[in-house]
Amino acid sequence: MLDIGLIEQALATGGLALNLYRAAGSSPEQVRFKVYGTPPAVPLSDILPMLENMGVKVVDENPYDVRLSENDPPVWIRDFSLVSEDGTAVDLDGVREAFHDAFECVWRGQMENDGFNKLVLRAGLVAREVTILRAYCKYLRQVQIPFSQSYMEQTLGRNPQIARALVGLFLVRFDPSHTGERG
């Protein structure tokens, strides 16, 4: 029943619906991710880097083409089996919406497809918060800090608590409605 609802959503929005879930009996680091879309189908080689930059390894994929009726256009479904890149458990309820949002932002070209996106799973950040850290990185690169973007992505990915603290500090320091101490 859930698939039908998501197929209808993809048809209604003219493009995309997503579902991050855990199959029964799967271990905590394993999840599945379904991408529903209307034609044209997107090549697998375009989707894999997006998922890998989200902090997961793609184990396998099951593609399907379906139609709800003869009058409806076809909808393709890509059902991916994933495992967290670092082998840690995925808090599905805690990251589902943020994962969907970040993936869709990358899909639509509204967010860069890079290693900072791993912070959605590892640090529990949302797309906007990841963009804050990405902007800091780009600023630091412009002022010629000796560290590469890749190094900063890896460092923050290995230290999710620091990534969350940096975002928290930014949000407190620049929130115009905040009346307390700004850090």
N, C-alpha and C. Protein backbone atom coordinates (compact mmCIF):
# COMPACT_ATOMS: atom_id res chain seq x y z
N MET A 1 0.81 -1.20 0.00
CA MET A 1 0.00 0.00 0.00
C MET A 1 0.85 1.25 0.00
N LEU A 2 1.97 1.25 0.75
CA LEU A 2 2.84 2.40 0.81
C LEU A 2 3.41 2.71 -0.57
N ASP A 3 3.80 1.68 -1.32
CA ASP A 3 4.34 1.90 -2.66
C ASP A 3 3.33 2.61 -3.55
N ILE A 4 2.08 2.22 -3.48
CA ILE A 4 1.06 2.86 -4.32
C ILE A 4 0.93 4.34 -3.98
N GLY A 5 0.93 4.66 -2.70
CA GLY A 5 0.85 6.06 -2.28
C GLY A 5 2.04 6.86 -2.78
N LEU A 6 3.23 6.28 -2.74
CA LEU A 6 4.42 6.99 -3.20
C LEU A 6 4.47 7.09 -4.72
N ILE A 7 3.95 6.08 -5.40
CA ILE A 7 3.84 6.17 -6.86
C ILE A 7 2.88 7.30 -7.22
N GLU A 8 1.75 7.38 -6.53
CA GLU A 8 0.80 8.47 -6.78
C GLU A 8 1.43 9.83 -6.47
N GLN A 9 2.24 9.90 -5.43
CA GLN A 9 2.93 11.15 -5.10
C GLN A 9 3.89 11.54 -6.22
N ALA A 10 4.65 10.58 -6.75
CA ALA A 10 5.57 10.87 -7.84
C ALA A 10 4.81 11.35 -9.07
N LEU A 11 3.67 10.74 -9.35
CA LEU A 11 2.85 11.17 -10.49
C LEU A 11 2.28 12.58 -10.27
N ALA A 12 1.82 12.85 -9.04
CA ALA A 12 1.19 14.14 -8.74
C ALA A 12 2.20 15.29 -8.76
N THR A 13 3.42 15.01 -8.30
CA THR A 13 4.43 16.07 -8.24
C THR A 13 5.25 16.16 -9.51
N GLY A 14 5.00 15.25 -10.43
CA GLY A 14 5.73 15.27 -11.69
C GLY A 14 7.18 14.87 -11.53
N GLY A 15 7.45 13.98 -10.59
CA GLY A 15 8.83 13.60 -10.54
C GLY A 15 9.33 12.65 -9.51
N LEU A 16 9.26 12.97 -8.22
CA LEU A 16 10.07 12.23 -7.28
C LEU A 16 9.34 11.95 -5.97
N ALA A 17 9.52 10.74 -5.45
CA ALA A 17 9.07 10.38 -4.11
C ALA A 17 10.15 9.46 -3.54
N LEU A 18 10.31 9.49 -2.22
CA LEU A 18 11.41 8.76 -1.58
C LEU A 18 10.93 8.00 -0.36
N ASN A 19 11.60 6.89 -0.05
CA ASN A 19 11.27 6.12 1.14
C ASN A 19 12.52 5.44 1.68
N LEU A 20 13.03 5.92 2.82
CA LEU A 20 14.12 5.28 3.54
C LEU A 20 13.49 4.40 4.61
N TYR A 21 13.81 3.12 4.61
CA TYR A 21 13.17 2.20 5.55
C TYR A 21 14.12 1.06 5.89
N ARG A 22 13.74 0.28 6.88
CA ARG A 22 14.52 -0.89 7.26
C ARG A 22 13.65 -2.12 7.03
N ALA A 23 14.17 -3.07 6.29
CA ALA A 23 13.45 -4.32 6.05
C ALA A 23 13.44 -5.16 7.32
N ALA A 24 12.40 -5.92 7.51
CA ALA A 24 12.29 -6.79 8.68
C ALA A 24 13.49 -7.72 8.75
N GLY A 25 14.06 -7.84 9.94
CA GLY A 25 15.18 -8.74 10.15
C GLY A 25 16.55 -8.16 9.78
N SER A 26 16.58 -6.91 9.35
CA SER A 26 17.86 -6.29 8.98
C SER A 26 18.59 -5.80 10.22
N SER A 27 19.89 -5.75 10.12
CA SER A 27 20.70 -5.24 11.23
C SER A 27 20.63 -3.71 11.27
N PRO A 28 21.01 -3.08 12.38
CA PRO A 28 20.86 -1.63 12.55
C PRO A 28 21.62 -0.77 11.55
N GLU A 29 22.69 -1.30 10.98
CA GLU A 29 23.43 -0.49 9.99
C GLU A 29 22.90 -0.66 8.57
N GLN A 30 21.93 -1.54 8.38
CA GLN A 30 21.35 -1.79 7.06
C GLN A 30 20.02 -1.05 6.91
N VAL A 31 19.84 -0.42 5.77
CA VAL A 31 18.59 0.23 5.42
C VAL A 31 18.31 -0.01 3.95
N ARG A 32 17.09 0.30 3.57
CA ARG A 32 16.71 0.26 2.16
C ARG A 32 16.20 1.64 1.79
N PHE A 33 16.36 1.99 0.53
CA PHE A 33 15.97 3.31 0.05
C PHE A 33 15.32 3.16 -1.31
N LYS A 34 14.05 3.57 -1.38
CA LYS A 34 13.35 3.51 -2.66
C LYS A 34 13.23 4.92 -3.23
N VAL A 35 13.55 5.02 -4.51
CA VAL A 35 13.41 6.27 -5.25
C VAL A 35 12.38 6.02 -6.33
N TYR A 36 11.31 6.81 -6.31
CA TYR A 36 10.22 6.68 -7.27
C TYR A 36 10.28 7.87 -8.20
N GLY A 37 10.19 7.63 -9.50
CA GLY A 37 10.24 8.75 -10.43
C GLY A 37 9.48 8.49 -11.71
N THR A 38 9.20 9.57 -12.39
CA THR A 38 8.54 9.48 -13.69
C THR A 38 9.61 9.66 -14.76
N PRO A 39 9.32 9.22 -15.98
CA PRO A 39 10.33 9.30 -17.05
C PRO A 39 10.86 10.72 -17.22
N PRO A 40 12.08 10.83 -17.64
CA PRO A 40 12.99 9.75 -18.03
C PRO A 40 13.68 9.14 -16.82
N ALA A 41 14.01 7.87 -16.94
CA ALA A 41 14.72 7.19 -15.86
C ALA A 41 16.14 7.75 -15.75
N VAL A 42 16.64 7.83 -14.55
CA VAL A 42 17.97 8.38 -14.29
C VAL A 42 18.96 7.22 -14.26
N PRO A 43 20.10 7.38 -14.93
CA PRO A 43 21.09 6.30 -14.94
C PRO A 43 21.60 5.99 -13.52
N LEU A 44 21.88 4.74 -13.29
CA LEU A 44 22.42 4.29 -12.01
C LEU A 44 23.72 5.02 -11.68
N SER A 45 24.52 5.30 -12.69
CA SER A 45 25.80 5.98 -12.46
C SER A 45 25.61 7.41 -11.96
N ASP A 46 24.43 7.99 -12.11
CA ASP A 46 24.14 9.32 -11.55
C ASP A 46 23.67 9.22 -10.10
N ILE A 47 22.98 8.14 -9.76
CA ILE A 47 22.42 7.99 -8.41
C ILE A 47 23.46 7.50 -7.41
N LEU A 48 24.33 6.59 -7.82
CA LEU A 48 25.30 6.00 -6.88
C LEU A 48 26.18 7.04 -6.19
N PRO A 49 26.76 8.02 -6.90
CA PRO A 49 27.57 9.01 -6.18
C PRO A 49 26.76 9.83 -5.17
N MET A 50 25.51 10.10 -5.47
CA MET A 50 24.66 10.82 -4.52
C MET A 50 24.52 10.03 -3.22
N LEU A 51 24.24 8.75 -3.36
CA LEU A 51 24.06 7.91 -2.18
C LEU A 51 25.37 7.73 -1.42
N GLU A 52 26.46 7.51 -2.12
CA GLU A 52 27.75 7.33 -1.46
C GLU A 52 28.15 8.60 -0.71
N ASN A 53 27.85 9.76 -1.26
CA ASN A 53 28.14 11.02 -0.57
C ASN A 53 27.20 11.27 0.60
N MET A 54 26.14 10.49 0.71
CA MET A 54 25.23 10.58 1.86
C MET A 54 25.70 9.67 3.01
N GLY A 55 26.82 8.97 2.81
CA GLY A 55 27.38 8.16 3.88
C GLY A 55 26.94 6.72 3.90
N VAL A 56 26.52 6.21 2.76
CA VAL A 56 26.11 4.80 2.69
C VAL A 56 26.84 4.10 1.54
N LYS A 57 26.94 2.80 1.67
CA LYS A 57 27.44 1.96 0.59
C LYS A 57 26.24 1.28 -0.04
N VAL A 58 26.21 1.23 -1.35
CA VAL A 58 25.12 0.58 -2.06
C VAL A 58 25.50 -0.88 -2.24
N VAL A 59 24.68 -1.77 -1.66
CA VAL A 59 24.94 -3.21 -1.73
C VAL A 59 24.32 -3.79 -3.00
N ASP A 60 23.08 -3.42 -3.27
CA ASP A 60 22.43 -3.85 -4.51
C ASP A 60 21.26 -2.95 -4.84
N GLU A 61 20.71 -3.18 -6.02
CA GLU A 61 19.57 -2.38 -6.50
C GLU A 61 18.61 -3.28 -7.23
N ASN A 62 17.32 -3.06 -6.98
CA ASN A 62 16.26 -3.76 -7.72
C ASN A 62 15.42 -2.70 -8.42
N PRO A 63 15.52 -2.62 -9.75
CA PRO A 63 14.72 -1.63 -10.47
C PRO A 63 13.39 -2.22 -10.94
N TYR A 64 12.36 -1.37 -10.94
CA TYR A 64 11.03 -1.77 -11.41
C TYR A 64 10.43 -0.65 -12.24
N ASP A 65 9.63 -1.00 -13.22
CA ASP A 65 8.79 -0.05 -13.94
C ASP A 65 7.35 -0.48 -13.71
N VAL A 66 6.50 0.45 -13.28
CA VAL A 66 5.10 0.12 -13.01
C VAL A 66 4.18 1.18 -13.58
N ARG A 67 2.92 0.78 -13.76
CA ARG A 67 1.83 1.70 -14.14
C ARG A 67 0.65 1.39 -13.24
N LEU A 68 0.02 2.43 -12.73
CA LEU A 68 -1.17 2.22 -11.91
C LEU A 68 -2.36 1.85 -12.78
N SER A 69 -2.40 2.42 -13.98
CA SER A 69 -3.46 2.09 -14.94
C SER A 69 -2.92 2.34 -16.34
N GLU A 70 -3.69 1.94 -17.33
CA GLU A 70 -3.26 2.15 -18.71
C GLU A 70 -3.13 3.63 -19.06
N ASN A 71 -3.90 4.47 -18.38
CA ASN A 71 -3.90 5.90 -18.68
C ASN A 71 -2.78 6.67 -17.98
N ASP A 72 -2.16 6.05 -16.98
CA ASP A 72 -1.10 6.72 -16.24
C ASP A 72 0.25 6.49 -16.92
N PRO A 73 1.14 7.49 -16.82
CA PRO A 73 2.49 7.26 -17.34
C PRO A 73 3.22 6.24 -16.47
N PRO A 74 4.26 5.64 -16.99
CA PRO A 74 5.01 4.68 -16.17
C PRO A 74 5.76 5.40 -15.05
N VAL A 75 5.99 4.69 -13.98
CA VAL A 75 6.81 5.18 -12.87
C VAL A 75 7.91 4.15 -12.65
N TRP A 76 9.13 4.61 -12.55
CA TRP A 76 10.22 3.69 -12.24
C TRP A 76 10.50 3.74 -10.75
N ILE A 77 10.86 2.59 -10.22
CA ILE A 77 11.21 2.47 -8.80
C ILE A 77 12.60 1.87 -8.74
N ARG A 78 13.48 2.52 -7.99
CA ARG A 78 14.81 1.99 -7.72
C ARG A 78 14.84 1.65 -6.24
N ASP A 79 14.95 0.38 -5.91
CA ASP A 79 14.98 -0.08 -4.52
C ASP A 79 16.41 -0.49 -4.18
N PHE A 80 17.08 0.34 -3.37
CA PHE A 80 18.48 0.13 -3.03
C PHE A 80 18.63 -0.50 -1.66
N SER A 81 19.52 -1.46 -1.56
CA SER A 81 19.94 -2.01 -0.28
C SER A 81 21.21 -1.27 0.09
N LEU A 82 21.20 -0.65 1.29
CA LEU A 82 22.31 0.19 1.72
C LEU A 82 22.84 -0.28 3.07
N VAL A 83 24.07 0.07 3.34
CA VAL A 83 24.67 -0.14 4.65
C VAL A 83 25.45 1.13 4.97
N SER A 84 25.42 1.53 6.24
CA SER A 84 26.14 2.75 6.61
C SER A 84 27.62 2.56 6.30
N GLU A 85 28.22 3.59 5.75
CA GLU A 85 29.61 3.53 5.30
C GLU A 85 30.58 3.18 6.43
N ASP A 86 30.32 3.70 7.61
CA ASP A 86 31.22 3.46 8.73
C ASP A 86 30.78 2.28 9.61
N GLY A 87 29.72 1.58 9.23
CA GLY A 87 29.26 0.41 9.95
C GLY A 87 28.47 0.70 11.21
N THR A 88 28.14 1.98 11.45
CA THR A 88 27.36 2.32 12.64
C THR A 88 25.87 2.16 12.36
N ALA A 89 25.12 2.03 13.44
CA ALA A 89 23.66 1.89 13.33
C ALA A 89 23.06 3.18 12.76
N VAL A 90 22.03 3.03 11.97
CA VAL A 90 21.30 4.17 11.41
C VAL A 90 20.03 4.37 12.23
N ASP A 91 19.92 5.55 12.85
CA ASP A 91 18.71 5.91 13.59
C ASP A 91 17.66 6.33 12.57
N LEU A 92 16.94 5.35 12.06
CA LEU A 92 16.02 5.57 10.95
C LEU A 92 15.00 6.66 11.24
N ASP A 93 14.35 6.60 12.40
CA ASP A 93 13.34 7.60 12.72
C ASP A 93 13.95 8.99 12.88
N GLY A 94 15.18 9.05 13.34
CA GLY A 94 15.84 10.33 13.57
C GLY A 94 16.37 11.00 12.31
N VAL A 95 16.65 10.21 11.26
CA VAL A 95 17.27 10.80 10.06
C VAL A 95 16.42 10.69 8.80
N ARG A 96 15.33 9.96 8.84
CA ARG A 96 14.56 9.71 7.61
C ARG A 96 14.22 10.99 6.84
N GLU A 97 13.55 11.92 7.51
CA GLU A 97 13.12 13.14 6.81
C GLU A 97 14.30 13.97 6.32
N ALA A 98 15.34 14.08 7.15
CA ALA A 98 16.53 14.84 6.75
C ALA A 98 17.22 14.17 5.57
N PHE A 99 17.28 12.85 5.56
CA PHE A 99 17.89 12.10 4.46
C PHE A 99 17.10 12.34 3.18
N HIS A 100 15.77 12.22 3.27
CA HIS A 100 14.92 12.47 2.10
C HIS A 100 15.16 13.88 1.56
N ASP A 101 15.13 14.87 2.46
CA ASP A 101 15.27 16.26 2.05
C ASP A 101 16.62 16.52 1.40
N ALA A 102 17.70 16.05 2.03
CA ALA A 102 19.03 16.27 1.48
C ALA A 102 19.20 15.58 0.13
N PHE A 103 18.72 14.34 0.02
CA PHE A 103 18.83 13.62 -1.25
C PHE A 103 18.08 14.36 -2.34
N GLU A 104 16.87 14.83 -2.01
CA GLU A 104 16.08 15.55 -3.01
C GLU A 104 16.75 16.86 -3.40
N CYS A 105 17.35 17.56 -2.46
CA CYS A 105 18.06 18.80 -2.77
C CYS A 105 19.22 18.54 -3.74
N VAL A 106 19.97 17.46 -3.49
CA VAL A 106 21.06 17.10 -4.40
C VAL A 106 20.49 16.71 -5.76
N TRP A 107 19.45 15.90 -5.75
CA TRP A 107 18.80 15.44 -6.98
C TRP A 107 18.38 16.61 -7.86
N ARG A 108 17.82 17.63 -7.25
CA ARG A 108 17.30 18.78 -7.99
C ARG A 108 18.36 19.86 -8.24
N GLY A 109 19.59 19.61 -7.81
CA GLY A 109 20.66 20.56 -8.03
C GLY A 109 20.62 21.76 -7.10
N GLN A 110 19.91 21.65 -5.98
CA GLN A 110 19.79 22.74 -5.03
C GLN A 110 20.86 22.66 -3.94
N MET A 111 21.63 21.60 -3.94
CA MET A 111 22.67 21.39 -2.94
C MET A 111 23.79 20.61 -3.61
N GLU A 112 25.01 20.89 -3.22
CA GLU A 112 26.14 20.21 -3.82
C GLU A 112 26.17 18.73 -3.43
N ASN A 113 26.73 17.94 -4.32
CA ASN A 113 26.87 16.50 -4.10
C ASN A 113 28.31 16.23 -3.68
N ASP A 114 28.57 16.34 -2.37
CA ASP A 114 29.91 16.14 -1.87
C ASP A 114 29.88 15.42 -0.52
N GLY A 115 31.04 15.22 0.05
CA GLY A 115 31.17 14.46 1.30
C GLY A 115 30.56 15.12 2.52
N PHE A 116 30.25 16.42 2.45
CA PHE A 116 29.58 17.05 3.58
C PHE A 116 28.20 16.44 3.82
N ASN A 117 27.60 15.87 2.80
CA ASN A 117 26.26 15.29 2.93
C ASN A 117 26.23 14.09 3.87
N LYS A 118 27.39 13.51 4.17
CA LYS A 118 27.46 12.40 5.13
C LYS A 118 27.02 12.85 6.52
N LEU A 119 27.09 14.15 6.77
CA LEU A 119 26.73 14.66 8.09
C LEU A 119 25.24 14.54 8.38
N VAL A 120 24.44 14.29 7.36
CA VAL A 120 23.01 14.04 7.59
C VAL A 120 22.85 12.78 8.43
N LEU A 121 23.53 11.71 8.04
CA LEU A 121 23.45 10.45 8.80
C LEU A 121 24.34 10.48 10.04
N ARG A 122 25.54 10.95 9.89
CA ARG A 122 26.51 10.85 10.99
C ARG A 122 26.26 11.84 12.12
N ALA A 123 25.83 13.06 11.78
CA ALA A 123 25.67 14.10 12.80
C ALA A 123 24.21 14.48 13.02
N GLY A 124 23.30 13.91 12.23
CA GLY A 124 21.89 14.23 12.38
C GLY A 124 21.54 15.64 11.92
N LEU A 125 22.32 16.17 10.98
CA LEU A 125 22.06 17.52 10.48
C LEU A 125 21.05 17.49 9.34
N VAL A 126 20.40 18.61 9.10
CA VAL A 126 19.51 18.76 7.95
C VAL A 126 20.28 19.46 6.84
N ALA A 127 19.71 19.48 5.65
CA ALA A 127 20.40 20.03 4.47
C ALA A 127 20.90 21.45 4.69
N ARG A 128 20.10 22.29 5.29
CA ARG A 128 20.50 23.69 5.52
C ARG A 128 21.71 23.76 6.44
N GLU A 129 21.75 22.93 7.45
CA GLU A 129 22.86 22.92 8.39
C GLU A 129 24.14 22.40 7.73
N VAL A 130 24.02 21.43 6.85
CA VAL A 130 25.17 20.94 6.10
C VAL A 130 25.71 22.06 5.21
N THR A 131 24.80 22.84 4.64
CA THR A 131 25.20 23.94 3.78
C THR A 131 26.00 24.99 4.56
N ILE A 132 25.68 25.19 5.83
CA ILE A 132 26.43 26.13 6.67
C ILE A 132 27.89 25.68 6.77
N LEU A 133 28.10 24.40 7.06
CA LEU A 133 29.46 23.89 7.18
C LEU A 133 30.19 23.93 5.84
N ARG A 134 29.49 23.63 4.76
CA ARG A 134 30.08 23.71 3.43
C ARG A 134 30.51 25.14 3.12
N ALA A 135 29.69 26.12 3.51
CA ALA A 135 30.03 27.52 3.27
C ALA A 135 31.27 27.92 4.08
N TYR A 136 31.36 27.48 5.33
CA TYR A 136 32.56 27.74 6.13
C TYR A 136 33.80 27.17 5.44
N CYS A 137 33.68 25.95 4.94
CA CYS A 137 34.79 25.31 4.26
C CYS A 137 35.22 26.14 3.05
N LYS A 138 34.27 26.57 2.26
CA LYS A 138 34.60 27.34 1.05
C LYS A 138 35.25 28.67 1.43
N TYR A 139 34.76 29.29 2.50
CA TYR A 139 35.37 30.53 2.97
C TYR A 139 36.83 30.26 3.39
N LEU A 140 37.03 29.21 4.17
CA LEU A 140 38.39 28.89 4.63
C LEU A 140 39.32 28.59 3.46
N ARG A 141 38.81 27.95 2.43
CA ARG A 141 39.62 27.68 1.23
C ARG A 141 39.98 28.99 0.53
N GLN A 142 39.04 29.95 0.51
CA GLN A 142 39.32 31.24 -0.13
C GLN A 142 40.39 32.03 0.62
N VAL A 143 40.43 31.91 1.93
CA VAL A 143 41.45 32.61 2.71
C VAL A 143 42.73 31.76 2.83
N GLN A 144 42.77 30.72 2.02
CA GLN A 144 43.95 29.89 1.81
C GLN A 144 44.40 29.10 3.03
N ILE A 145 43.44 28.55 3.75
CA ILE A 145 43.78 27.61 4.81
C ILE A 145 44.44 26.40 4.13
N PRO A 146 45.40 25.77 4.75
CA PRO A 146 46.13 24.71 4.06
C PRO A 146 45.39 23.37 3.95
N PHE A 147 44.16 23.29 4.43
CA PHE A 147 43.43 22.02 4.40
C PHE A 147 42.49 21.98 3.20
N SER A 148 42.40 20.82 2.57
CA SER A 148 41.52 20.65 1.41
C SER A 148 40.08 20.47 1.86
N GLN A 149 39.18 20.63 0.92
CA GLN A 149 37.77 20.39 1.24
C GLN A 149 37.57 18.94 1.64
N SER A 150 38.21 18.04 0.95
CA SER A 150 38.09 16.62 1.27
C SER A 150 38.54 16.34 2.70
N TYR A 151 39.62 16.96 3.13
CA TYR A 151 40.13 16.77 4.49
C TYR A 151 39.09 17.28 5.50
N MET A 152 38.51 18.44 5.24
CA MET A 152 37.51 18.99 6.17
C MET A 152 36.26 18.12 6.21
N GLU A 153 35.83 17.60 5.04
CA GLU A 153 34.68 16.68 5.00
C GLU A 153 34.95 15.46 5.87
N GLN A 154 36.13 14.86 5.70
CA GLN A 154 36.48 13.65 6.45
C GLN A 154 36.59 13.93 7.94
N THR A 155 37.19 15.05 8.29
CA THR A 155 37.38 15.39 9.70
C THR A 155 36.04 15.60 10.40
N LEU A 156 35.16 16.36 9.78
CA LEU A 156 33.84 16.58 10.38
C LEU A 156 33.03 15.28 10.40
N GLY A 157 33.18 14.46 9.36
CA GLY A 157 32.48 13.18 9.32
C GLY A 157 32.93 12.23 10.43
N ARG A 158 34.19 12.30 10.80
CA ARG A 158 34.71 11.47 11.90
C ARG A 158 34.39 12.06 13.27
N ASN A 159 33.98 13.31 13.30
CA ASN A 159 33.69 14.01 14.56
C ASN A 159 32.31 14.67 14.50
N PRO A 160 31.25 13.85 14.43
CA PRO A 160 29.91 14.42 14.25
C PRO A 160 29.48 15.34 15.40
N GLN A 161 29.95 15.08 16.60
CA GLN A 161 29.59 15.94 17.73
C GLN A 161 30.16 17.35 17.54
N ILE A 162 31.34 17.45 16.96
CA ILE A 162 31.93 18.77 16.67
C ILE A 162 31.15 19.46 15.56
N ALA A 163 30.76 18.70 14.53
CA ALA A 163 29.96 19.27 13.44
C ALA A 163 28.66 19.85 13.98
N ARG A 164 27.98 19.10 14.86
CA ARG A 164 26.74 19.59 15.47
C ARG A 164 26.99 20.83 16.31
N ALA A 165 28.10 20.83 17.06
CA ALA A 165 28.42 21.98 17.92
C ALA A 165 28.72 23.22 17.07
N LEU A 166 29.42 23.06 15.96
CA LEU A 166 29.71 24.20 15.08
C LEU A 166 28.42 24.79 14.50
N VAL A 167 27.53 23.93 14.08
CA VAL A 167 26.24 24.40 13.55
C VAL A 167 25.44 25.07 14.66
N GLY A 168 25.42 24.46 15.84
CA GLY A 168 24.71 25.06 16.97
C GLY A 168 25.25 26.44 17.32
N LEU A 169 26.56 26.59 17.32
CA LEU A 169 27.17 27.89 17.59
C LEU A 169 26.77 28.91 16.53
N PHE A 170 26.82 28.50 15.27
CA PHE A 170 26.42 29.40 14.19
C PHE A 170 24.97 29.86 14.37
N LEU A 171 24.08 28.91 14.67
CA LEU A 171 22.67 29.26 14.81
C LEU A 171 22.42 30.19 15.99
N VAL A 172 23.12 30.00 17.08
CA VAL A 172 22.96 30.89 18.24
C VAL A 172 23.55 32.27 17.94
N ARG A 173 24.73 32.29 17.34
CA ARG A 173 25.41 33.57 17.09
C ARG A 173 24.66 34.45 16.10
N PHE A 174 23.97 33.85 15.14
CA PHE A 174 23.35 34.64 14.08
C PHE A 174 21.82 34.61 14.08
N ASP A 175 21.23 34.18 15.17
CA ASP A 175 19.77 34.20 15.29
C ASP A 175 19.35 35.56 15.85
N PRO A 176 18.68 36.39 15.04
CA PRO A 176 18.32 37.73 15.52
C PRO A 176 17.33 37.71 16.67
N SER A 177 16.59 36.65 16.84
CA SER A 177 15.61 36.59 17.93
C SER A 177 16.22 36.08 19.24
N HIS A 178 17.46 35.62 19.19
CA HIS A 178 18.12 35.10 20.39
C HIS A 178 18.51 36.25 21.31
N THR A 179 18.11 36.17 22.58
CA THR A 179 18.37 37.26 23.51
C THR A 179 19.42 36.91 24.56
N GLY A 180 19.81 35.68 24.68
CA GLY A 180 20.78 35.26 25.71
C GLY A 180 22.20 35.39 25.23
N GLU A 181 23.08 34.67 25.90
CA GLU A 181 24.50 34.64 25.56
C GLU A 181 24.67 34.04 24.17
N ARG A 182 25.56 34.62 23.38
CA ARG A 182 25.77 34.16 22.00
C ARG A 182 27.03 33.33 21.82
N GLY A 183 27.60 32.88 22.89
CA GLY A 183 28.74 31.97 22.80
C GLY A 183 30.03 32.64 22.78
